[in-house]
PDB file of N, CA and C in Angstrom:
ATOM      1  N   MET A   1     -31.067  -2.552  14.805  1.00  0.00           N
ATOM      2  CA  MET A   1     -30.735  -1.198  14.434  1.00  0.00           C
ATOM      3  C   MET A   1     -29.501  -1.192  13.532  1.00  0.00           C
ATOM      4  N   LEU A   2     -29.444  -0.230  12.661  1.00  0.00           N
ATOM      5  CA  LEU A   2     -28.338  -0.124  11.714  1.00  0.00           C
ATOM      6  C   LEU A   2     -27.197   0.726  12.278  1.00  0.00           C
ATOM      7  N   VAL A   3     -25.979   0.332  11.937  1.00  0.00           N
ATOM      8  CA  VAL A   3     -24.784   1.076  12.309  1.00  0.00           C
ATOM      9  C   VAL A   3     -24.127   1.535  11.019  1.00  0.00           C
ATOM     10  N   HIS A   4     -23.939   2.843  10.886  1.00  0.00           N
ATOM     11  CA  HIS A   4     -23.355   3.417   9.671  1.00  0.00           C
ATOM     12  C   HIS A   4     -21.832   3.251   9.708  1.00  0.00           C
ATOM     13  N   LEU A   5     -21.272   2.592   8.671  1.00  0.00           N
ATOM     14  CA  LEU A   5     -19.831   2.349   8.585  1.00  0.00           C
ATOM     15  C   LEU A   5     -19.107   3.400   7.756  1.00  0.00           C
ATOM     16  N   GLY A   6     -19.857   4.240   7.054  1.00  0.00           N
ATOM     17  CA  GLY A   6     -19.260   5.246   6.184  1.00  0.00           C
ATOM     18  C   GLY A   6     -19.622   4.997   4.739  1.00  0.00           C
ATOM     19  N   ARG A   7     -19.515   6.065   3.927  1.00  0.00           N
ATOM     20  CA  ARG A   7     -19.784   5.993   2.489  1.00  0.00           C
ATOM     21  C   ARG A   7     -21.149   5.386   2.160  1.00  0.00           C
ATOM     22  N   GLY A   8     -22.134   5.669   2.990  1.00  0.00           N
ATOM     23  CA  GLY A   8     -23.492   5.209   2.730  1.00  0.00           C
ATOM     24  C   GLY A   8     -23.747   3.754   3.041  1.00  0.00           C
ATOM     25  N   VAL A   9     -22.816   3.093   3.712  1.00  0.00           N
ATOM     26  CA  VAL A   9     -22.966   1.673   4.029  1.00  0.00           C
ATOM     27  C   VAL A   9     -23.318   1.516   5.502  1.00  0.00           C
ATOM     28  N   SER A  10     -24.373   0.759   5.758  1.00  0.00           N
ATOM     29  CA  SER A  10     -24.796   0.455   7.126  1.00  0.00           C
ATOM     30  C   SER A  10     -25.005  -1.042   7.257  1.00  0.00           C
ATOM     31  N   VAL A  11     -24.772  -1.555   8.467  1.00  0.00           N
ATOM     32  CA  VAL A  11     -25.008  -2.966   8.761  1.00  0.00           C
ATOM     33  C   VAL A  11     -25.807  -3.051  10.052  1.00  0.00           C
ATOM     34  N   HIS A  12     -26.461  -4.173  10.257  1.00  0.00           N
ATOM     35  CA  HIS A  12     -27.171  -4.392  11.516  1.00  0.00           C
ATOM     36  C   HIS A  12     -26.144  -4.559  12.636  1.00  0.00           C
ATOM     37  N   GLY A  13     -26.356  -3.867  13.728  1.00  0.00           N
ATOM     38  CA  GLY A  13     -25.422  -3.934  14.854  1.00  0.00           C
ATOM     39  C   GLY A  13     -25.183  -5.340  15.341  1.00  0.00           C
ATOM     40  N   GLU A  14     -26.221  -6.169  15.333  1.00  0.00           N
ATOM     41  CA  GLU A  14     -26.063  -7.541  15.823  1.00  0.00           C
ATOM     42  C   GLU A  14     -25.238  -8.409  14.879  1.00  0.00           C
ATOM     43  N   ASP A  15     -25.003  -7.933  13.662  1.00  0.00           N
ATOM     44  CA  ASP A  15     -24.189  -8.683  12.695  1.00  0.00           C
ATOM     45  C   ASP A  15     -22.700  -8.371  12.801  1.00  0.00           C
ATOM     46  N   ILE A  16     -22.338  -7.372  13.600  1.00  0.00           N
ATOM     47  CA  ILE A  16     -20.923  -7.029  13.757  1.00  0.00           C
ATOM     48  C   ILE A  16     -20.265  -8.045  14.679  1.00  0.00           C
ATOM     49  N   ILE A  17     -19.222  -8.674  14.161  1.00  0.00           N
ATOM     50  CA  ILE A  17     -18.487  -9.690  14.905  1.00  0.00           C
ATOM     51  C   ILE A  17     -17.273  -9.086  15.589  1.00  0.00           C
ATOM     52  N   ALA A  18     -16.536  -8.218  14.870  1.00  0.00           N
ATOM     53  CA  ALA A  18     -15.296  -7.654  15.417  1.00  0.00           C
ATOM     54  C   ALA A  18     -15.013  -6.284  14.812  1.00  0.00           C
ATOM     55  N   LEU A  19     -14.361  -5.451  15.615  1.00  0.00           N
ATOM     56  CA  LEU A  19     -13.870  -4.140  15.187  1.00  0.00           C
ATOM     57  C   LEU A  19     -12.392  -4.081  15.552  1.00  0.00           C
ATOM     58  N   THR A  20     -11.552  -3.669  14.604  1.00  0.00           N
ATOM     59  CA  THR A  20     -10.117  -3.568  14.858  1.00  0.00           C
ATOM     60  C   THR A  20      -9.613  -2.218  14.395  1.00  0.00           C
ATOM     61  N   ASP A  21      -8.841  -1.564  15.242  1.00  0.00           N
ATOM     62  CA  ASP A  21      -8.276  -0.252  14.943  1.00  0.00           C
ATOM     63  C   ASP A  21      -7.063  -0.424  14.034  1.00  0.00           C
ATOM     64  N   LEU A  22      -7.207  -0.088  12.762  1.00  0.00           N
ATOM     65  CA  LEU A  22      -6.114  -0.244  11.804  1.00  0.00           C
ATOM     66  C   LEU A  22      -5.032   0.820  11.977  1.00  0.00           C
ATOM     67  N   GLN A  23      -5.324   1.879  12.682  1.00  0.00           N
ATOM     68  CA  GLN A  23      -4.322   2.913  12.922  1.00  0.00           C
ATOM     69  C   GLN A  23      -3.321   2.468  13.986  1.00  0.00           C
ATOM     70  N   ARG A  24      -3.720   1.505  14.796  1.00  0.00           N
ATOM     71  CA  ARG A  24      -2.824   0.991  15.847  1.00  0.00           C
ATOM     72  C   ARG A  24      -2.349  -0.424  15.555  1.00  0.00           C
ATOM     73  N   ASP A  25      -3.162  -1.205  14.878  1.00  0.00           N
ATOM     74  CA  ASP A  25      -2.836  -2.609  14.634  1.00  0.00           C
ATOM     75  C   ASP A  25      -2.369  -2.792  13.193  1.00  0.00           C
ATOM     76  N   GLN A  26      -1.081  -2.800  13.004  1.00  0.00           N
ATOM     77  CA  GLN A  26      -0.489  -3.026  11.689  1.00  0.00           C
ATOM     78  C   GLN A  26       0.228  -4.386  11.683  1.00  0.00           C
ATOM     79  N   SER A  27      -0.305  -5.337  12.448  1.00  0.00           N
ATOM     80  CA  SER A  27       0.362  -6.625  12.605  1.00  0.00           C
ATOM     81  C   SER A  27       0.268  -7.472  11.337  1.00  0.00           C
ATOM     82  N   PRO A  28       1.218  -8.386  11.166  1.00  0.00           N
ATOM     83  CA  PRO A  28       1.166  -9.304  10.026  1.00  0.00           C
ATOM     84  C   PRO A  28      -0.114 -10.154  10.024  1.00  0.00           C
ATOM     85  N   GLN A  29      -0.628 -10.478  11.203  1.00  0.00           N
ATOM     86  CA  GLN A  29      -1.854 -11.271  11.295  1.00  0.00           C
ATOM     87  C   GLN A  29      -3.042 -10.519  10.711  1.00  0.00           C
ATOM     88  N   THR A  30      -3.101  -9.215  10.980  1.00  0.00           N
ATOM     89  CA  THR A  30      -4.191  -8.404  10.431  1.00  0.00           C
ATOM     90  C   THR A  30      -4.076  -8.320   8.921  1.00  0.00           C
ATOM     91  N   GLU A  31      -2.863  -8.116   8.416  1.00  0.00           N
ATOM     92  CA  GLU A  31      -2.649  -8.060   6.971  1.00  0.00           C
ATOM     93  C   GLU A  31      -3.008  -9.394   6.314  1.00  0.00           C
ATOM     94  N   THR A  32      -2.670 -10.501   6.972  1.00  0.00           N
ATOM     95  CA  THR A  32      -3.020 -11.829   6.458  1.00  0.00           C
ATOM     96  C   THR A  32      -4.536 -11.989   6.401  1.00  0.00           C
ATOM     97  N   LEU A  33      -5.222 -11.566   7.456  1.00  0.00           N
ATOM     98  CA  LEU A  33      -6.679 -11.662   7.512  1.00  0.00           C
ATOM     99  C   LEU A  33      -7.320 -10.855   6.382  1.00  0.00           C
ATOM    100  N   ILE A  34      -6.857  -9.636   6.182  1.00  0.00           N
ATOM    101  CA  ILE A  34      -7.387  -8.799   5.105  1.00  0.00           C
ATOM    102  C   ILE A  34      -7.143  -9.475   3.754  1.00  0.00           C
ATOM    103  N   GLY A  35      -5.952 -10.027   3.575  1.00  0.00           N
ATOM    104  CA  GLY A  35      -5.632 -10.726   2.333  1.00  0.00           C
ATOM    105  C   GLY A  35      -6.541 -11.920   2.083  1.00  0.00           C
ATOM    106  N   GLN A  36      -6.863 -12.656   3.134  1.00  0.00           N
ATOM    107  CA  GLN A  36      -7.759 -13.816   2.993  1.00  0.00           C
ATOM    108  C   GLN A  36      -9.149 -13.372   2.553  1.00  0.00           C
ATOM    109  N   PHE A  37      -9.665 -12.326   3.166  1.00  0.00           N
ATOM    110  CA  PHE A  37     -10.975 -11.811   2.757  1.00  0.00           C
ATOM    111  C   PHE A  37     -10.928 -11.309   1.315  1.00  0.00           C
ATOM    112  N   ARG A  38      -9.836 -10.624   0.951  1.00  0.00           N
ATOM    113  CA  ARG A  38      -9.690 -10.096  -0.411  1.00  0.00           C
ATOM    114  C   ARG A  38      -9.684 -11.246  -1.436  1.00  0.00           C
ATOM    115  N   ARG A  39      -8.895 -12.276  -1.192  1.00  0.00           N
ATOM    116  CA  ARG A  39      -8.809 -13.404  -2.130  1.00  0.00           C
ATOM    117  C   ARG A  39     -10.144 -14.113  -2.304  1.00  0.00           C
ATOM    118  N   ARG A  40     -10.947 -14.161  -1.250  1.00  0.00           N
ATOM    119  CA  ARG A  40     -12.252 -14.828  -1.317  1.00  0.00           C
ATOM    120  C   ARG A  40     -13.354 -13.906  -1.845  1.00  0.00           C
ATOM    121  N   GLY A  41     -12.988 -12.653  -2.177  1.00  0.00           N
ATOM    122  CA  GLY A  41     -13.979 -11.711  -2.698  1.00  0.00           C
ATOM    123  C   GLY A  41     -14.942 -11.200  -1.645  1.00  0.00           C
ATOM    124  N   LEU A  42     -14.499 -11.212  -0.384  1.00  0.00           N
ATOM    125  CA  LEU A  42     -15.363 -10.814   0.725  1.00  0.00           C
ATOM    126  C   LEU A  42     -14.862  -9.556   1.434  1.00  0.00           C
ATOM    127  N   LEU A  43     -14.015  -8.789   0.739  1.00  0.00           N
ATOM    128  CA  LEU A  43     -13.499  -7.543   1.290  1.00  0.00           C
ATOM    129  C   LEU A  43     -14.261  -6.383   0.672  1.00  0.00           C
ATOM    130  N   ARG A  44     -14.786  -5.502   1.518  1.00  0.00           N
ATOM    131  CA  ARG A  44     -15.521  -4.325   1.064  1.00  0.00           C
ATOM    132  C   ARG A  44     -14.746  -3.091   1.503  1.00  0.00           C
ATOM    133  N   ASP A  45     -13.988  -2.509   0.591  1.00  0.00           N
ATOM    134  CA  ASP A  45     -13.209  -1.309   0.890  1.00  0.00           C
ATOM    135  C   ASP A  45     -14.104  -0.104   0.656  1.00  0.00           C
ATOM    136  N   LEU A  46     -14.386   0.645   1.719  1.00  0.00           N
ATOM    137  CA  LEU A  46     -15.302   1.773   1.623  1.00  0.00           C
ATOM    138  C   LEU A  46     -14.606   3.054   1.171  1.00  0.00           C
ATOM    139  N   GLY A  47     -13.353   2.963   0.782  1.00  0.00           N
ATOM    140  CA  GLY A  47     -12.635   4.108   0.227  1.00  0.00           C
ATOM    141  C   GLY A  47     -11.985   4.965   1.282  1.00  0.00           C
ATOM    142  N   GLY A  48     -11.086   5.799   0.829  1.00  0.00           N
ATOM    143  CA  GLY A  48     -10.346   6.654   1.746  1.00  0.00           C
ATOM    144  C   GLY A  48      -9.324   5.852   2.528  1.00  0.00           C
ATOM    145  N   GLU A  49      -8.734   6.503   3.501  1.00  0.00           N
ATOM    146  CA  GLU A  49      -7.761   5.818   4.348  1.00  0.00           C
ATOM    147  C   GLU A  49      -8.503   4.919   5.336  1.00  0.00           C
ATOM    148  N   PRO A  50      -8.252   3.595   5.289  1.00  0.00           N
ATOM    149  CA  PRO A  50      -8.953   2.703   6.220  1.00  0.00           C
ATOM    150  C   PRO A  50      -8.478   2.934   7.658  1.00  0.00           C
ATOM    151  N   LYS A  51      -9.427   3.164   8.539  1.00  0.00           N
ATOM    152  CA  LYS A  51      -9.116   3.362   9.949  1.00  0.00           C
ATOM    153  C   LYS A  51      -9.558   2.175  10.801  1.00  0.00           C
ATOM    154  N   THR A  52     -10.632   1.511  10.359  1.00  0.00           N
ATOM    155  CA  THR A  52     -11.176   0.414  11.145  1.00  0.00           C
ATOM    156  C   THR A  52     -11.516  -0.762  10.252  1.00  0.00           C
ATOM    157  N   LEU A  53     -11.157  -1.948  10.716  1.00  0.00           N
ATOM    158  CA  LEU A  53     -11.550  -3.194  10.069  1.00  0.00           C
ATOM    159  C   LEU A  53     -12.800  -3.682  10.794  1.00  0.00           C
ATOM    160  N   VAL A  54     -13.853  -3.951  10.052  1.00  0.00           N
ATOM    161  CA  VAL A  54     -15.116  -4.399  10.636  1.00  0.00           C
ATOM    162  C   VAL A  54     -15.471  -5.746  10.011  1.00  0.00           C
ATOM    163  N   ILE A  55     -15.580  -6.768  10.834  1.00  0.00           N
ATOM    164  CA  ILE A  55     -15.997  -8.086  10.347  1.00  0.00           C
ATOM    165  C   ILE A  55     -17.459  -8.271  10.728  1.00  0.00           C
ATOM    166  N   CYS A  56     -18.263  -8.630   9.737  1.00  0.00           N
ATOM    167  CA  CYS A  56     -19.709  -8.765   9.929  1.00  0.00           C
ATOM    168  C   CYS A  56     -20.206 -10.088   9.370  1.00  0.00           C
ATOM    169  N   ARG A  57     -21.297 -10.561   9.945  1.00  0.00           N
ATOM    170  CA  ARG A  57     -22.024 -11.695   9.366  1.00  0.00           C
ATOM    171  C   ARG A  57     -22.859 -11.168   8.218  1.00  0.00           C
ATOM    172  N   GLU A  58     -22.845 -11.903   7.130  1.00  0.00           N
ATOM    173  CA  GLU A  58     -23.697 -11.576   5.985  1.00  0.00           C
ATOM    174  C   GLU A  58     -24.259 -12.895   5.484  1.00  0.00           C
ATOM    175  N   ARG A  59     -25.498 -13.126   5.808  1.00  0.00           N
ATOM    176  CA  ARG A  59     -26.155 -14.403   5.514  1.00  0.00           C
ATOM    177  C   ARG A  59     -25.386 -15.538   6.179  1.00  0.00           C
ATOM    178  N   THR A  60     -24.768 -16.414   5.403  1.00  0.00           N
ATOM    179  CA  THR A  60     -24.097 -17.586   5.974  1.00  0.00           C
ATOM    180  C   THR A  60     -22.579 -17.448   6.004  1.00  0.00           C
ATOM    181  N   ARG A  61     -22.063 -16.234   5.755  1.00  0.00           N
ATOM    182  CA  ARG A  61     -20.613 -16.052   5.719  1.00  0.00           C
ATOM    183  C   ARG A  61     -20.227 -14.771   6.447  1.00  0.00           C
ATOM    184  N   SER A  62     -18.924 -14.582   6.591  1.00  0.00           N
ATOM    185  CA  SER A  62     -18.406 -13.351   7.181  1.00  0.00           C
ATOM    186  C   SER A  62     -17.805 -12.497   6.069  1.00  0.00           C
ATOM    187  N   VAL A  63     -17.978 -11.189   6.188  1.00  0.00           N
ATOM    188  CA  VAL A  63     -17.379 -10.239   5.252  1.00  0.00           C
ATOM    189  C   VAL A  63     -16.575  -9.224   6.055  1.00  0.00           C
ATOM    190  N   CYS A  64     -15.633  -8.582   5.377  1.00  0.00           N
ATOM    191  CA  CYS A  64     -14.755  -7.626   6.027  1.00  0.00           C
ATOM    192  C   CYS A  64     -14.905  -6.266   5.350  1.00  0.00           C
ATOM    193  N   TYR A  65     -15.160  -5.239   6.145  1.00  0.00           N
ATOM    194  CA  TYR A  65     -15.235  -3.868   5.647  1.00  0.00           C
ATOM    195  C   TYR A  65     -14.004  -3.107   6.124  1.00  0.00           C
ATOM    196  N   LEU A  66     -13.428  -2.316   5.245  1.00  0.00           N
ATOM    197  CA  LEU A  66     -12.384  -1.371   5.621  1.00  0.00           C
ATOM    198  C   LEU A  66     -13.047  -0.004   5.635  1.00  0.00           C
ATOM    199  N   SER A  67     -13.232   0.546   6.829  1.00  0.00           N
ATOM    200  CA  SER A  67     -13.980   1.778   7.013  1.00  0.00           C
ATOM    201  C   SER A  67     -13.055   2.946   7.319  1.00  0.00           C
ATOM    202  N   GLY A  68     -13.383   4.103   6.778  1.00  0.00           N
ATOM    203  CA  GLY A  68     -12.658   5.328   7.080  1.00  0.00           C
ATOM    204  C   GLY A  68     -13.102   5.970   8.378  1.00  0.00           C
ATOM    205  N   VAL A  69     -14.095   5.387   9.024  1.00  0.00           N
ATOM    206  CA  VAL A  69     -14.590   5.889  10.311  1.00  0.00           C
ATOM    207  C   VAL A  69     -13.725   5.278  11.413  1.00  0.00           C
ATOM    208  N   GLY A  70     -13.331   6.082  12.377  1.00  0.00           N
ATOM    209  CA  GLY A  70     -12.468   5.617  13.463  1.00  0.00           C
ATOM    210  C   GLY A  70     -13.151   4.621  14.390  1.00  0.00           C
ATOM    211  N   LEU A  71     -12.329   3.831  15.059  1.00  0.00           N
ATOM    212  CA  LEU A  71     -12.822   2.797  15.966  1.00  0.00           C
ATOM    213  C   LEU A  71     -13.701   3.376  17.075  1.00  0.00           C
ATOM    214  N   ARG A  72     -13.271   4.466  17.688  1.00  0.00           N
ATOM    215  CA  ARG A  72     -14.048   5.041  18.794  1.00  0.00           C
ATOM    216  C   ARG A  72     -15.444   5.455  18.333  1.00  0.00           C
ATOM    217  N   THR A  73     -15.525   6.045  17.158  1.00  0.00           N
ATOM    218  CA  THR A  73     -16.818   6.469  16.624  1.00  0.00           C
ATOM    219  C   THR A  73     -17.701   5.271  16.336  1.00  0.00           C
ATOM    220  N   LEU A  74     -17.151   4.250  15.697  1.00  0.00           N
ATOM    221  CA  LEU A  74     -17.949   3.057  15.406  1.00  0.00           C
ATOM    222  C   LEU A  74     -18.399   2.360  16.688  1.00  0.00           C
ATOM    223  N   ARG A  75     -17.500   2.258  17.654  1.00  0.00           N
ATOM    224  CA  ARG A  75     -17.857   1.622  18.930  1.00  0.00           C
ATOM    225  C   ARG A  75     -18.993   2.399  19.595  1.00  0.00           C
ATOM    226  N   ARG A  76     -18.915   3.727  19.560  1.00  0.00           N
ATOM    227  CA  ARG A  76     -19.979   4.555  20.157  1.00  0.00           C
ATOM    228  C   ARG A  76     -21.309   4.325  19.437  1.00  0.00           C
ATOM    229  N   ARG A  77     -21.258   4.233  18.102  1.00  0.00           N
ATOM    230  CA  ARG A  77     -22.483   3.988  17.339  1.00  0.00           C
ATOM    231  C   ARG A  77     -23.107   2.647  17.703  1.00  0.00           C
ATOM    232  N   VAL A  78     -22.272   1.619  17.857  1.00  0.00           N
ATOM    233  CA  VAL A  78     -22.779   0.296  18.236  1.00  0.00           C
ATOM    234  C   VAL A  78     -23.405   0.363  19.620  1.00  0.00           C
ATOM    235  N   GLU A  79     -22.716   0.999  20.566  1.00  0.00           N
ATOM    236  CA  GLU A  79     -23.224   1.093  21.933  1.00  0.00           C
ATOM    237  C   GLU A  79     -24.525   1.889  21.991  1.00  0.00           C
ATOM    238  N   GLU A  80     -24.628   2.965  21.211  1.00  0.00           N
ATOM    239  CA  GLU A  80     -25.861   3.759  21.178  1.00  0.00           C
ATOM    240  C   GLU A  80     -27.021   2.914  20.671  1.00  0.00           C
ATOM    241  N   ARG A  81     -26.772   2.120  19.642  1.00  0.00           N
ATOM    242  CA  ARG A  81     -27.828   1.265  19.081  1.00  0.00           C
ATOM    243  C   ARG A  81     -28.277   0.225  20.102  1.00  0.00           C
ATOM    244  N   GLN A  82     -27.316  -0.323  20.855  1.00  0.00           N
ATOM    245  CA  GLN A  82     -27.662  -1.317  21.865  1.00  0.00           C
ATOM    246  C   GLN A  82     -28.526  -0.695  22.955  1.00  0.00           C
ATOM    247  N   LEU A  83     -28.210   0.534  23.359  1.00  0.00           N
ATOM    248  CA  LEU A  83     -29.013   1.210  24.379  1.00  0.00           C
ATOM    249  C   LEU A  83     -30.423   1.486  23.872  1.00  0.00           C
ATOM    250  N   ILE A  84     -30.540   1.913  22.631  1.00  0.00           N
ATOM    251  CA  ILE A  84     -31.855   2.169  22.050  1.00  0.00           C
ATOM    252  C   ILE A  84     -32.673   0.876  22.028  1.00  0.00           C
ATOM    253  N   GLU A  85     -32.042  -0.221  21.612  1.00  0.00           N
ATOM    254  CA  GLU A  85     -32.744  -1.509  21.548  1.00  0.00           C
ATOM    255  C   GLU A  85     -33.178  -1.958  22.932  1.00  0.00           C
ATOM    256  N   MET A  86     -32.315  -1.751  23.954  1.00  0.00           N
ATOM    257  CA  MET A  86     -32.675  -2.127  25.308  1.00  0.00           C
ATOM    258  C   MET A  86     -33.881  -1.328  25.788  1.00  0.00           C
ATOM    259  N   ARG A  87     -33.900  -0.033  25.502  1.00  0.00           N
ATOM    260  CA  ARG A  87     -35.037   0.811  25.901  1.00  0.00           C
ATOM    261  C   ARG A  87     -36.321   0.346  25.226  1.00  0.00           C
ATOM    262  N   GLU A  88     -36.222  -0.020  23.955  1.00  0.00           N
ATOM    263  CA  GLU A  88     -37.400  -0.475  23.228  1.00  0.00           C
ATOM    264  C   GLU A  88     -37.947  -1.758  23.836  1.00  0.00           C
ATOM    265  N   VAL A  89     -37.072  -2.664  24.220  1.00  0.00           N
ATOM    266  CA  VAL A  89     -37.504  -3.920  24.829  1.00  0.00           C
ATOM    267  C   VAL A  89     -38.140  -3.649  26.178  1.00  0.00           C
ATOM    268  N   GLN A  90     -37.543  -2.777  26.992  1.00  0.00           N
ATOM    269  CA  GLN A  90     -38.064  -2.478  28.314  1.00  0.00           C
ATOM    270  C   GLN A  90     -39.414  -1.800  28.239  1.00  0.00           C
ATOM    271  N   HIS A  91     -39.613  -0.923  27.250  1.00  0.00           N
ATOM    272  CA  HIS A  91     -40.865  -0.196  27.128  1.00  0.00           C
ATOM    273  C   HIS A  91     -41.870  -0.890  26.227  1.00  0.00           C
ATOM    274  N   GLY A  92     -41.375  -1.893  25.476  1.00  0.00           N
ATOM    275  CA  GLY A  92     -42.199  -2.567  24.484  1.00  0.00           C
ATOM    276  C   GLY A  92     -43.276  -3.366  25.082  1.00  0.00           C
TER     277      GLY A  92
END
């Protein structure tokens, strides 16, 4: 199932590796991580004020999205997709 990250971008829920709240985590480690993705051309800034950092698998590599959607909303979307998938498997 797809999880909408904002600005028309969706990823498969199973490809999400990590979600980080950028409104609370302003650590040097997070800034370093974002910089590494940026230098490697693997940073996808979805515009607006970034609220959540989303690391996803994309083929054989990891990419980083800066999403304007809040962490709680994204987490809820992921959890909803997991519940839908579980129901499909149980009824399938």
